[in-house]
Amino acid sequence: PPRPKPYHNTYLFLNNDNGFIKIGRSKHVFTRLLQVQKEVGTKNVDIIAYKILDIEASLHLEHRFKRQFGEWFALSLDDAFDIVKKHDFETIVNTQHKYNRG
């Protein structure tokens, strides 16, 4: 598997409009959130969690069969919380998830 990289954060963003979850990395997670909101054309994107370590590539590999497009995955909120627990994400931000795409 790919080796973790320091200096980046790995994040999980939720698009509340379609239920897809973005697995990405950035040095500045909250700035990246604003960029993603502009890119997708909605402010209805929230942070689920982030980890102060770059494990993006290994998460993409682990969930490759649920990839929809780009870095967006058809993961349920339960899937996301499993990632948070399994990989010891430091922060979980409350979100209103209306989809269950298990």
PDB file of N, CA and C in Angstrom:
ATOM      1  N   PRO A   1       0.835  -1.209   0.000  1.00  0.00           N
ATOM      2  CA  PRO A   1       0.000   0.000   0.000  1.00  0.00           C
ATOM      3  C   PRO A   1       0.870   1.260   0.000  1.00  0.00           C
ATOM      4  N   PRO A   2       0.312   2.374  -0.471  1.00  0.00           N
ATOM      5  CA  PRO A   2       1.070   3.630  -0.469  1.00  0.00           C
ATOM      6  C   PRO A   2       1.460   4.032   0.953  1.00  0.00           C
ATOM      7  N   ARG A   3       2.608   4.671   1.079  1.00  0.00           N
ATOM      8  CA  ARG A   3       3.082   5.094   2.396  1.00  0.00           C
ATOM      9  C   ARG A   3       2.465   6.431   2.779  1.00  0.00           C
ATOM     10  N   PRO A   4       2.086   6.606   4.067  1.00  0.00           N
ATOM     11  CA  PRO A   4       1.546   7.893   4.515  1.00  0.00           C
ATOM     12  C   PRO A   4       2.578   9.006   4.352  1.00  0.00           C
ATOM     13  N   LYS A   5       2.111  10.203   4.053  1.00  0.00           N
ATOM     14  CA  LYS A   5       2.996  11.353   3.883  1.00  0.00           C
ATOM     15  C   LYS A   5       2.683  12.394   4.947  1.00  0.00           C
ATOM     16  N   PRO A   6       3.713  12.964   5.549  1.00  0.00           N
ATOM     17  CA  PRO A   6       3.465  14.043   6.505  1.00  0.00           C
ATOM     18  C   PRO A   6       3.137  15.336   5.774  1.00  0.00           C
ATOM     19  N   TYR A   7       2.808  16.367   6.504  1.00  0.00           N
ATOM     20  CA  TYR A   7       2.593  17.728   6.016  1.00  0.00           C
ATOM     21  C   TYR A   7       1.259  17.951   5.319  1.00  0.00           C
ATOM     22  N   HIS A   8       0.467  16.934   5.132  1.00  0.00           N
ATOM     23  CA  HIS A   8      -0.867  17.122   4.569  1.00  0.00           C
ATOM     24  C   HIS A   8      -1.898  16.523   5.523  1.00  0.00           C
ATOM     25  N   ASN A   9      -3.109  17.019   5.417  1.00  0.00           N
ATOM     26  CA  ASN A   9      -4.238  16.444   6.138  1.00  0.00           C
ATOM     27  C   ASN A   9      -5.066  15.651   5.147  1.00  0.00           C
ATOM     28  N   THR A  10      -5.609  14.548   5.598  1.00  0.00           N
ATOM     29  CA  THR A  10      -6.579  13.800   4.806  1.00  0.00           C
ATOM     30  C   THR A  10      -7.960  14.175   5.334  1.00  0.00           C
ATOM     31  N   TYR A  11      -8.894  14.417   4.430  1.00  0.00           N
ATOM     32  CA  TYR A  11     -10.226  14.838   4.868  1.00  0.00           C
ATOM     33  C   TYR A  11     -11.312  14.012   4.194  1.00  0.00           C
ATOM     34  N   LEU A  12     -12.457  14.009   4.826  1.00  0.00           N
ATOM     35  CA  LEU A  12     -13.687  13.445   4.265  1.00  0.00           C
ATOM     36  C   LEU A  12     -14.697  14.581   4.206  1.00  0.00           C
ATOM     37  N   PHE A  13     -15.140  14.917   2.998  1.00  0.00           N
ATOM     38  CA  PHE A  13     -16.175  15.927   2.803  1.00  0.00           C
ATOM     39  C   PHE A  13     -17.438  15.224   2.338  1.00  0.00           C
ATOM     40  N   LEU A  14     -18.579  15.720   2.755  1.00  0.00           N
ATOM     41  CA  LEU A  14     -19.869  15.184   2.341  1.00  0.00           C
ATOM     42  C   LEU A  14     -20.605  16.206   1.491  1.00  0.00           C
ATOM     43  N   ASN A  15     -21.021  15.800   0.293  1.00  0.00           N
ATOM     44  CA  ASN A  15     -21.904  16.621  -0.527  1.00  0.00           C
ATOM     45  C   ASN A  15     -23.325  16.238  -0.147  1.00  0.00           C
ATOM     46  N   ASN A  16     -23.992  17.095   0.612  1.00  0.00           N
ATOM     47  CA  ASN A  16     -25.345  16.809   1.088  1.00  0.00           C
ATOM     48  C   ASN A  16     -26.378  16.775  -0.035  1.00  0.00           C
ATOM     49  N   ASP A  17     -26.037  17.314  -1.205  1.00  0.00           N
ATOM     50  CA  ASP A  17     -26.976  17.302  -2.322  1.00  0.00           C
ATOM     51  C   ASP A  17     -27.096  15.924  -2.967  1.00  0.00           C
ATOM     52  N   ASN A  18     -25.974  15.179  -3.030  1.00  0.00           N
ATOM     53  CA  ASN A  18     -26.042  13.862  -3.681  1.00  0.00           C
ATOM     54  C   ASN A  18     -25.583  12.708  -2.788  1.00  0.00           C
ATOM     55  N   GLY A  19     -25.079  13.015  -1.596  1.00  0.00           N
ATOM     56  CA  GLY A  19     -24.670  11.982  -0.654  1.00  0.00           C
ATOM     57  C   GLY A  19     -23.276  11.427  -0.884  1.00  0.00           C
ATOM     58  N   PHE A  20     -22.557  11.901  -1.905  1.00  0.00           N
ATOM     59  CA  PHE A  20     -21.217  11.391  -2.159  1.00  0.00           C
ATOM     60  C   PHE A  20     -20.221  11.980  -1.166  1.00  0.00           C
ATOM     61  N   ILE A  21     -19.177  11.197  -0.891  1.00  0.00           N
ATOM     62  CA  ILE A  21     -18.141  11.605   0.052  1.00  0.00           C
ATOM     63  C   ILE A  21     -16.823  11.741  -0.698  1.00  0.00           C
ATOM     64  N   LYS A  22     -16.161  12.874  -0.487  1.00  0.00           N
ATOM     65  CA  LYS A  22     -14.866  13.139  -1.116  1.00  0.00           C
ATOM     66  C   LYS A  22     -13.760  12.759  -0.142  1.00  0.00           C
ATOM     67  N   ILE A  23     -12.836  11.936  -0.597  1.00  0.00           N
ATOM     68  CA  ILE A  23     -11.633  11.608   0.159  1.00  0.00           C
ATOM     69  C   ILE A  23     -10.501  12.393  -0.489  1.00  0.00           C
ATOM     70  N   GLY A  24      -9.971  13.359   0.229  1.00  0.00           N
ATOM     71  CA  GLY A  24      -8.948  14.210  -0.348  1.00  0.00           C
ATOM     72  C   GLY A  24      -7.860  14.553   0.647  1.00  0.00           C
ATOM     73  N   ARG A  25      -6.931  15.390   0.196  1.00  0.00           N
ATOM     74  CA  ARG A  25      -5.853  15.836   1.068  1.00  0.00           C
ATOM     75  C   ARG A  25      -5.563  17.303   0.807  1.00  0.00           C
ATOM     76  N   SER A  26      -5.119  17.975   1.836  1.00  0.00           N
ATOM     77  CA  SER A  26      -4.788  19.386   1.716  1.00  0.00           C
ATOM     78  C   SER A  26      -4.003  19.814   2.944  1.00  0.00           C
ATOM     79  N   LYS A  27      -3.139  20.796   2.762  1.00  0.00           N
ATOM     80  CA  LYS A  27      -2.462  21.388   3.922  1.00  0.00           C
ATOM     81  C   LYS A  27      -3.443  22.260   4.707  1.00  0.00           C
ATOM     82  N   HIS A  28      -4.441  22.800   4.000  1.00  0.00           N
ATOM     83  CA  HIS A  28      -5.389  23.743   4.611  1.00  0.00           C
ATOM     84  C   HIS A  28      -6.814  23.246   4.326  1.00  0.00           C
ATOM     85  N   VAL A  29      -7.331  22.422   5.211  1.00  0.00           N
ATOM     86  CA  VAL A  29      -8.602  21.734   4.989  1.00  0.00           C
ATOM     87  C   VAL A  29      -9.769  22.713   4.819  1.00  0.00           C
ATOM     88  N   PHE A  30      -9.853  23.733   5.646  1.00  0.00           N
ATOM     89  CA  PHE A  30     -11.010  24.623   5.584  1.00  0.00           C
ATOM     90  C   PHE A  30     -10.970  25.512   4.338  1.00  0.00           C
ATOM     91  N   THR A  31      -9.783  25.889   3.906  1.00  0.00           N
ATOM     92  CA  THR A  31      -9.648  26.607   2.638  1.00  0.00           C
ATOM     93  C   THR A  31     -10.053  25.698   1.489  1.00  0.00           C
ATOM     94  N   ARG A  32      -9.647  24.440   1.564  1.00  0.00           N
ATOM     95  CA  ARG A  32     -10.004  23.465   0.520  1.00  0.00           C
ATOM     96  C   ARG A  32     -11.515  23.269   0.480  1.00  0.00           C
ATOM     97  N   LEU A  33     -12.170  23.258   1.635  1.00  0.00           N
ATOM     98  CA  LEU A  33     -13.626  23.119   1.675  1.00  0.00           C
ATOM     99  C   LEU A  33     -14.296  24.224   0.864  1.00  0.00           C
ATOM    100  N   LEU A  34     -13.839  25.460   1.043  1.00  0.00           N
ATOM    101  CA  LEU A  34     -14.415  26.579   0.290  1.00  0.00           C
ATOM    102  C   LEU A  34     -14.186  26.404  -1.206  1.00  0.00           C
ATOM    103  N   GLN A  35     -13.001  25.918  -1.589  1.00  0.00           N
ATOM    104  CA  GLN A  35     -12.713  25.673  -3.006  1.00  0.00           C
ATOM    105  C   GLN A  35     -13.639  24.605  -3.571  1.00  0.00           C
ATOM    106  N   VAL A  36     -13.839  23.525  -2.823  1.00  0.00           N
ATOM    107  CA  VAL A  36     -14.702  22.434  -3.286  1.00  0.00           C
ATOM    108  C   VAL A  36     -16.142  22.925  -3.415  1.00  0.00           C
ATOM    109  N   GLN A  37     -16.598  23.723  -2.461  1.00  0.00           N
ATOM    110  CA  GLN A  37     -17.957  24.261  -2.553  1.00  0.00           C
ATOM    111  C   GLN A  37     -18.128  25.061  -3.839  1.00  0.00           C
ATOM    112  N   LYS A  38     -17.121  25.842  -4.216  1.00  0.00           N
ATOM    113  CA  LYS A  38     -17.186  26.607  -5.466  1.00  0.00           C
ATOM    114  C   LYS A  38     -17.141  25.671  -6.674  1.00  0.00           C
ATOM    115  N   GLU A  39     -16.264  24.660  -6.615  1.00  0.00           N
ATOM    116  CA  GLU A  39     -16.111  23.724  -7.731  1.00  0.00           C
ATOM    117  C   GLU A  39     -17.408  22.980  -8.036  1.00  0.00           C
ATOM    118  N   VAL A  40     -18.110  22.534  -6.991  1.00  0.00           N
ATOM    119  CA  VAL A  40     -19.334  21.757  -7.208  1.00  0.00           C
ATOM    120  C   VAL A  40     -20.572  22.644  -7.307  1.00  0.00           C
ATOM    121  N   GLY A  41     -20.410  23.922  -7.012  1.00  0.00           N
ATOM    122  CA  GLY A  41     -21.509  24.865  -7.181  1.00  0.00           C
ATOM    123  C   GLY A  41     -22.538  24.841  -6.074  1.00  0.00           C
ATOM    124  N   THR A  42     -22.138  24.399  -4.876  1.00  0.00           N
ATOM    125  CA  THR A  42     -23.054  24.412  -3.741  1.00  0.00           C
ATOM    126  C   THR A  42     -22.272  24.600  -2.449  1.00  0.00           C
ATOM    127  N   LYS A  43     -22.879  25.305  -1.509  1.00  0.00           N
ATOM    128  CA  LYS A  43     -22.271  25.426  -0.179  1.00  0.00           C
ATOM    129  C   LYS A  43     -22.714  24.272   0.711  1.00  0.00           C
ATOM    130  N   ASN A  44     -23.470  23.358   0.146  1.00  0.00           N
ATOM    131  CA  ASN A  44     -24.024  22.233   0.895  1.00  0.00           C
ATOM    132  C   ASN A  44     -23.023  21.072   0.969  1.00  0.00           C
ATOM    133  N   VAL A  45     -21.744  21.414   1.154  1.00  0.00           N
ATOM    134  CA  VAL A  45     -20.678  20.433   1.346  1.00  0.00           C
ATOM    135  C   VAL A  45     -20.098  20.679   2.733  1.00  0.00           C
ATOM    136  N   ASP A  46     -20.011  19.629   3.527  1.00  0.00           N
ATOM    137  CA  ASP A  46     -19.535  19.733   4.912  1.00  0.00           C
ATOM    138  C   ASP A  46     -18.314  18.851   5.135  1.00  0.00           C
ATOM    139  N   ILE A  47     -17.543  19.201   6.165  1.00  0.00           N
ATOM    140  CA  ILE A  47     -16.454  18.333   6.604  1.00  0.00           C
ATOM    141  C   ILE A  47     -17.036  17.293   7.546  1.00  0.00           C
ATOM    142  N   ILE A  48     -16.756  16.030   7.269  1.00  0.00           N
ATOM    143  CA  ILE A  48     -17.117  14.971   8.215  1.00  0.00           C
ATOM    144  C   ILE A  48     -15.991  14.823   9.225  1.00  0.00           C
ATOM    145  N   ALA A  49     -14.752  14.707   8.711  1.00  0.00           N
ATOM    146  CA  ALA A  49     -13.609  14.490   9.591  1.00  0.00           C
ATOM    147  C   ALA A  49     -12.326  14.777   8.833  1.00  0.00           C
ATOM    148  N   TYR A  50     -11.240  14.940   9.581  1.00  0.00           N
ATOM    149  CA  TYR A  50      -9.928  15.038   8.948  1.00  0.00           C
ATOM    150  C   TYR A  50      -8.866  14.463   9.869  1.00  0.00           C
ATOM    151  N   LYS A  51      -7.757  14.090   9.277  1.00  0.00           N
ATOM    152  CA  LYS A  51      -6.639  13.498  10.003  1.00  0.00           C
ATOM    153  C   LYS A  51      -5.379  14.239   9.608  1.00  0.00           C
ATOM    154  N   ILE A  52      -4.529  14.515  10.582  1.00  0.00           N
ATOM    155  CA  ILE A  52      -3.308  15.259  10.324  1.00  0.00           C
ATOM    156  C   ILE A  52      -2.222  14.289   9.848  1.00  0.00           C
ATOM    157  N   LEU A  53      -2.477  13.698   8.683  1.00  0.00           N
ATOM    158  CA  LEU A  53      -1.532  12.803   8.020  1.00  0.00           C
ATOM    159  C   LEU A  53      -2.113  12.501   6.643  1.00  0.00           C
ATOM    160  N   ASP A  54      -1.271  12.396   5.649  1.00  0.00           N
ATOM    161  CA  ASP A  54      -1.736  12.131   4.286  1.00  0.00           C
ATOM    162  C   ASP A  54      -1.846  10.624   4.063  1.00  0.00           C
ATOM    163  N   ILE A  55      -3.076  10.110   4.174  1.00  0.00           N
ATOM    164  CA  ILE A  55      -3.342   8.697   3.866  1.00  0.00           C
ATOM    165  C   ILE A  55      -4.361   8.603   2.725  1.00  0.00           C
ATOM    166  N   GLU A  56      -4.467   9.687   1.959  1.00  0.00           N
ATOM    167  CA  GLU A  56      -5.444   9.754   0.875  1.00  0.00           C
ATOM    168  C   GLU A  56      -5.302   8.587  -0.102  1.00  0.00           C
ATOM    169  N   ALA A  57      -4.091   8.321  -0.571  1.00  0.00           N
ATOM    170  CA  ALA A  57      -3.878   7.286  -1.596  1.00  0.00           C
ATOM    171  C   ALA A  57      -4.311   5.914  -1.090  1.00  0.00           C
ATOM    172  N   SER A  58      -4.008   5.604   0.163  1.00  0.00           N
ATOM    173  CA  SER A  58      -4.404   4.290   0.683  1.00  0.00           C
ATOM    174  C   SER A  58      -5.919   4.191   0.858  1.00  0.00           C
ATOM    175  N   LEU A  59      -6.584   5.304   1.218  1.00  0.00           N
ATOM    176  CA  LEU A  59      -8.048   5.284   1.316  1.00  0.00           C
ATOM    177  C   LEU A  59      -8.687   5.162  -0.060  1.00  0.00           C
ATOM    178  N   HIS A  60      -8.122   5.831  -1.066  1.00  0.00           N
ATOM    179  CA  HIS A  60      -8.632   5.686  -2.436  1.00  0.00           C
ATOM    180  C   HIS A  60      -8.528   4.236  -2.880  1.00  0.00           C
ATOM    181  N   LEU A  61      -7.415   3.604  -2.565  1.00  0.00           N
ATOM    182  CA  LEU A  61      -7.213   2.196  -2.931  1.00  0.00           C
ATOM    183  C   LEU A  61      -8.199   1.296  -2.181  1.00  0.00           C
ATOM    184  N   GLU A  62      -8.347   1.542  -0.902  1.00  0.00           N
ATOM    185  CA  GLU A  62      -9.227   0.735  -0.056  1.00  0.00           C
ATOM    186  C   GLU A  62     -10.691   0.803  -0.520  1.00  0.00           C
ATOM    187  N   HIS A  63     -11.110   1.947  -1.024  1.00  0.00           N
ATOM    188  CA  HIS A  63     -12.517   2.144  -1.395  1.00  0.00           C
ATOM    189  C   HIS A  63     -12.713   2.315  -2.902  1.00  0.00           C
ATOM    190  N   ARG A  64     -11.776   1.821  -3.697  1.00  0.00           N
ATOM    191  CA  ARG A  64     -11.782   2.025  -5.152  1.00  0.00           C
ATOM    192  C   ARG A  64     -13.048   1.523  -5.832  1.00  0.00           C
ATOM    193  N   PHE A  65     -13.689   0.505  -5.270  1.00  0.00           N
ATOM    194  CA  PHE A  65     -14.883  -0.044  -5.918  1.00  0.00           C
ATOM    195  C   PHE A  65     -16.131   0.819  -5.691  1.00  0.00           C
ATOM    196  N   LYS A  66     -16.024   1.801  -4.810  1.00  0.00           N
ATOM    197  CA  LYS A  66     -17.152   2.707  -4.572  1.00  0.00           C
ATOM    198  C   LYS A  66     -16.900   4.094  -5.159  1.00  0.00           C
ATOM    199  N   ARG A  67     -15.803   4.234  -5.921  1.00  0.00           N
ATOM    200  CA  ARG A  67     -15.480   5.528  -6.545  1.00  0.00           C
ATOM    201  C   ARG A  67     -16.532   5.833  -7.607  1.00  0.00           C
ATOM    202  N   GLN A  68     -17.025   7.077  -7.598  1.00  0.00           N
ATOM    203  CA  GLN A  68     -18.008   7.523  -8.584  1.00  0.00           C
ATOM    204  C   GLN A  68     -17.344   8.339  -9.684  1.00  0.00           C
ATOM    205  N   PHE A  69     -16.579   9.346  -9.276  1.00  0.00           N
ATOM    206  CA  PHE A  69     -15.852  10.190 -10.220  1.00  0.00           C
ATOM    207  C   PHE A  69     -14.840  10.984  -9.411  1.00  0.00           C
ATOM    208  N   GLY A  70     -13.678  11.234 -10.006  1.00  0.00           N
ATOM    209  CA  GLY A  70     -12.643  11.986  -9.300  1.00  0.00           C
ATOM    210  C   GLY A  70     -12.360  11.379  -7.940  1.00  0.00           C
ATOM    211  N   GLU A  71     -12.450  12.201  -6.919  1.00  0.00           N
ATOM    212  CA  GLU A  71     -12.221  11.744  -5.545  1.00  0.00           C
ATOM    213  C   GLU A  71     -13.529  11.563  -4.770  1.00  0.00           C
ATOM    214  N   TRP A  72     -14.631  11.465  -5.473  1.00  0.00           N
ATOM    215  CA  TRP A  72     -15.948  11.314  -4.848  1.00  0.00           C
ATOM    216  C   TRP A  72     -16.352   9.840  -4.854  1.00  0.00           C
ATOM    217  N   PHE A  73     -16.827   9.381  -3.690  1.00  0.00           N
ATOM    218  CA  PHE A  73     -17.149   7.971  -3.481  1.00  0.00           C
ATOM    219  C   PHE A  73     -18.575   7.821  -2.980  1.00  0.00           C
ATOM    220  N   ALA A  74     -19.219   6.716  -3.357  1.00  0.00           N
ATOM    221  CA  ALA A  74     -20.562   6.387  -2.873  1.00  0.00           C
ATOM    222  C   ALA A  74     -20.429   5.602  -1.570  1.00  0.00           C
ATOM    223  N   LEU A  75     -20.062   6.305  -0.521  1.00  0.00           N
ATOM    224  CA  LEU A  75     -19.917   5.716   0.807  1.00  0.00           C
ATOM    225  C   LEU A  75     -21.083   6.166   1.674  1.00  0.00           C
ATOM    226  N   SER A  76     -21.532   5.306   2.536  1.00  0.00           N
ATOM    227  CA  SER A  76     -22.553   5.708   3.506  1.00  0.00           C
ATOM    228  C   SER A  76     -21.875   6.483   4.627  1.00  0.00           C
ATOM    229  N   LEU A  77     -22.659   7.143   5.450  1.00  0.00           N
ATOM    230  CA  LEU A  77     -22.086   7.831   6.599  1.00  0.00           C
ATOM    231  C   LEU A  77     -21.461   6.812   7.547  1.00  0.00           C
ATOM    232  N   ASP A  78     -22.063   5.628   7.644  1.00  0.00           N
ATOM    233  CA  ASP A  78     -21.462   4.558   8.451  1.00  0.00           C
ATOM    234  C   ASP A  78     -20.086   4.177   7.916  1.00  0.00           C
ATOM    235  N   ASP A  79     -19.957   4.083   6.586  1.00  0.00           N
ATOM    236  CA  ASP A  79     -18.643   3.816   5.980  1.00  0.00           C
ATOM    237  C   ASP A  79     -17.643   4.897   6.394  1.00  0.00           C
ATOM    238  N   ALA A  80     -18.082   6.148   6.332  1.00  0.00           N
ATOM    239  CA  ALA A  80     -17.192   7.262   6.682  1.00  0.00           C
ATOM    240  C   ALA A  80     -16.766   7.167   8.144  1.00  0.00           C
ATOM    241  N   PHE A  81     -17.703   6.860   9.034  1.00  0.00           N
ATOM    242  CA  PHE A  81     -17.345   6.751  10.446  1.00  0.00           C
ATOM    243  C   PHE A  81     -16.443   5.552  10.703  1.00  0.00           C
ATOM    244  N   ASP A  82     -16.601   4.489   9.906  1.00  0.00           N
ATOM    245  CA  ASP A  82     -15.673   3.359  10.008  1.00  0.00           C
ATOM    246  C   ASP A  82     -14.256   3.788   9.634  1.00  0.00           C
ATOM    247  N   ILE A  83     -14.135   4.620   8.587  1.00  0.00           N
ATOM    248  CA  ILE A  83     -12.823   5.150   8.203  1.00  0.00           C
ATOM    249  C   ILE A  83     -12.252   5.974   9.354  1.00  0.00           C
ATOM    250  N   VAL A  84     -13.082   6.828   9.934  1.00  0.00           N
ATOM    251  CA  VAL A  84     -12.651   7.686  11.039  1.00  0.00           C
ATOM    252  C   VAL A  84     -12.111   6.840  12.194  1.00  0.00           C
ATOM    253  N   LYS A  85     -12.831   5.784  12.545  1.00  0.00           N
ATOM    254  CA  LYS A  85     -12.398   4.924  13.658  1.00  0.00           C
ATOM    255  C   LYS A  85     -11.166   4.114  13.301  1.00  0.00           C
ATOM    256  N   LYS A  86     -11.193   3.474  12.143  1.00  0.00           N
ATOM    257  CA  LYS A  86     -10.106   2.584  11.727  1.00  0.00           C
ATOM    258  C   LYS A  86      -8.780   3.323  11.594  1.00  0.00           C
ATOM    259  N   HIS A  87      -8.844   4.560  11.089  1.00  0.00           N
ATOM    260  CA  HIS A  87      -7.623   5.309  10.804  1.00  0.00           C
ATOM    261  C   HIS A  87      -7.370   6.424  11.813  1.00  0.00           C
ATOM    262  N   ASP A  88      -8.137   6.419  12.898  1.00  0.00           N
ATOM    263  CA  ASP A  88      -7.891   7.322  14.021  1.00  0.00           C
ATOM    264  C   ASP A  88      -7.889   8.800  13.610  1.00  0.00           C
ATOM    265  N   PHE A  89      -8.945   9.201  12.902  1.00  0.00           N
ATOM    266  CA  PHE A  89      -9.095  10.618  12.570  1.00  0.00           C
ATOM    267  C   PHE A  89      -9.313  11.397  13.849  1.00  0.00           C
ATOM    268  N   GLU A  90      -8.723  12.574  13.928  1.00  0.00           N
ATOM    269  CA  GLU A  90      -8.760  13.366  15.160  1.00  0.00           C
ATOM    270  C   GLU A  90     -10.053  14.139  15.356  1.00  0.00           C
ATOM    271  N   THR A  91     -10.708  14.534  14.275  1.00  0.00           N
ATOM    272  CA  THR A  91     -11.842  15.443  14.391  1.00  0.00           C
ATOM    273  C   THR A  91     -13.027  14.916  13.600  1.00  0.00           C
ATOM    274  N   ILE A  92     -14.176  14.930  14.219  1.00  0.00           N
ATOM    275  CA  ILE A  92     -15.425  14.616  13.527  1.00  0.00           C
ATOM    276  C   ILE A  92     -16.318  15.835  13.646  1.00  0.00           C
ATOM    277  N   VAL A  93     -16.815  16.292  12.510  1.00  0.00           N
ATOM    278  CA  VAL A  93     -17.690  17.458  12.493  1.00  0.00           C
ATOM    279  C   VAL A  93     -19.108  16.972  12.211  1.00  0.00           C
ATOM    280  N   ASN A  94     -20.072  17.443  12.983  1.00  0.00           N
ATOM    281  CA  ASN A  94     -21.470  17.029  12.822  1.00  0.00           C
ATOM    282  C   ASN A  94     -21.979  17.408  11.434  1.00  0.00           C
ATOM    283  N   THR A  95     -22.745  16.522  10.850  1.00  0.00           N
ATOM    284  CA  THR A  95     -23.299  16.780   9.526  1.00  0.00           C
ATOM    285  C   THR A  95     -24.673  16.140   9.428  1.00  0.00           C
ATOM    286  N   GLN A  96     -25.493  16.664   8.532  1.00  0.00           N
ATOM    287  CA  GLN A  96     -26.814  16.079   8.305  1.00  0.00           C
ATOM    288  C   GLN A  96     -26.745  15.266   7.027  1.00  0.00           C
ATOM    289  N   HIS A  97     -26.681  13.973   7.171  1.00  0.00           N
ATOM    290  CA  HIS A  97     -26.538  13.070   6.017  1.00  0.00           C
ATOM    291  C   HIS A  97     -27.891  12.445   5.730  1.00  0.00           C
ATOM    292  N   LYS A  98     -28.424  12.673   4.537  1.00  0.00           N
ATOM    293  CA  LYS A  98     -29.756  12.148   4.229  1.00  0.00           C
ATOM    294  C   LYS A  98     -29.714  10.940   3.311  1.00  0.00           C
ATOM    295  N   TYR A  99     -28.518  10.420   3.048  1.00  0.00           N
ATOM    296  CA  TYR A  99     -28.384   9.294   2.141  1.00  0.00           C
ATOM    297  C   TYR A  99     -27.737   8.120   2.844  1.00  0.00           C
ATOM    298  N   ASN A 100     -28.091   6.924   2.427  1.00  0.00           N
ATOM    299  CA  ASN A 100     -27.415   5.721   2.912  1.00  0.00           C
ATOM    300  C   ASN A 100     -27.075   4.896   1.692  1.00  0.00           C
ATOM    301  N   ARG A 101     -25.836   4.983   1.259  1.00  0.00           N
ATOM    302  CA  ARG A 101     -25.409   4.350   0.016  1.00  0.00           C
ATOM    303  C   ARG A 101     -24.558   3.114   0.274  1.00  0.00           C
ATOM    304  N   GLY A 102     -24.680   2.455   1.453  1.00  0.00           N
ATOM    305  CA  GLY A 102     -23.873   1.299   1.808  1.00  0.00           C
ATOM    306  C   GLY A 102     -23.572   0.444   0.697  1.00  0.00           C
TER     307      GLY A 102
END
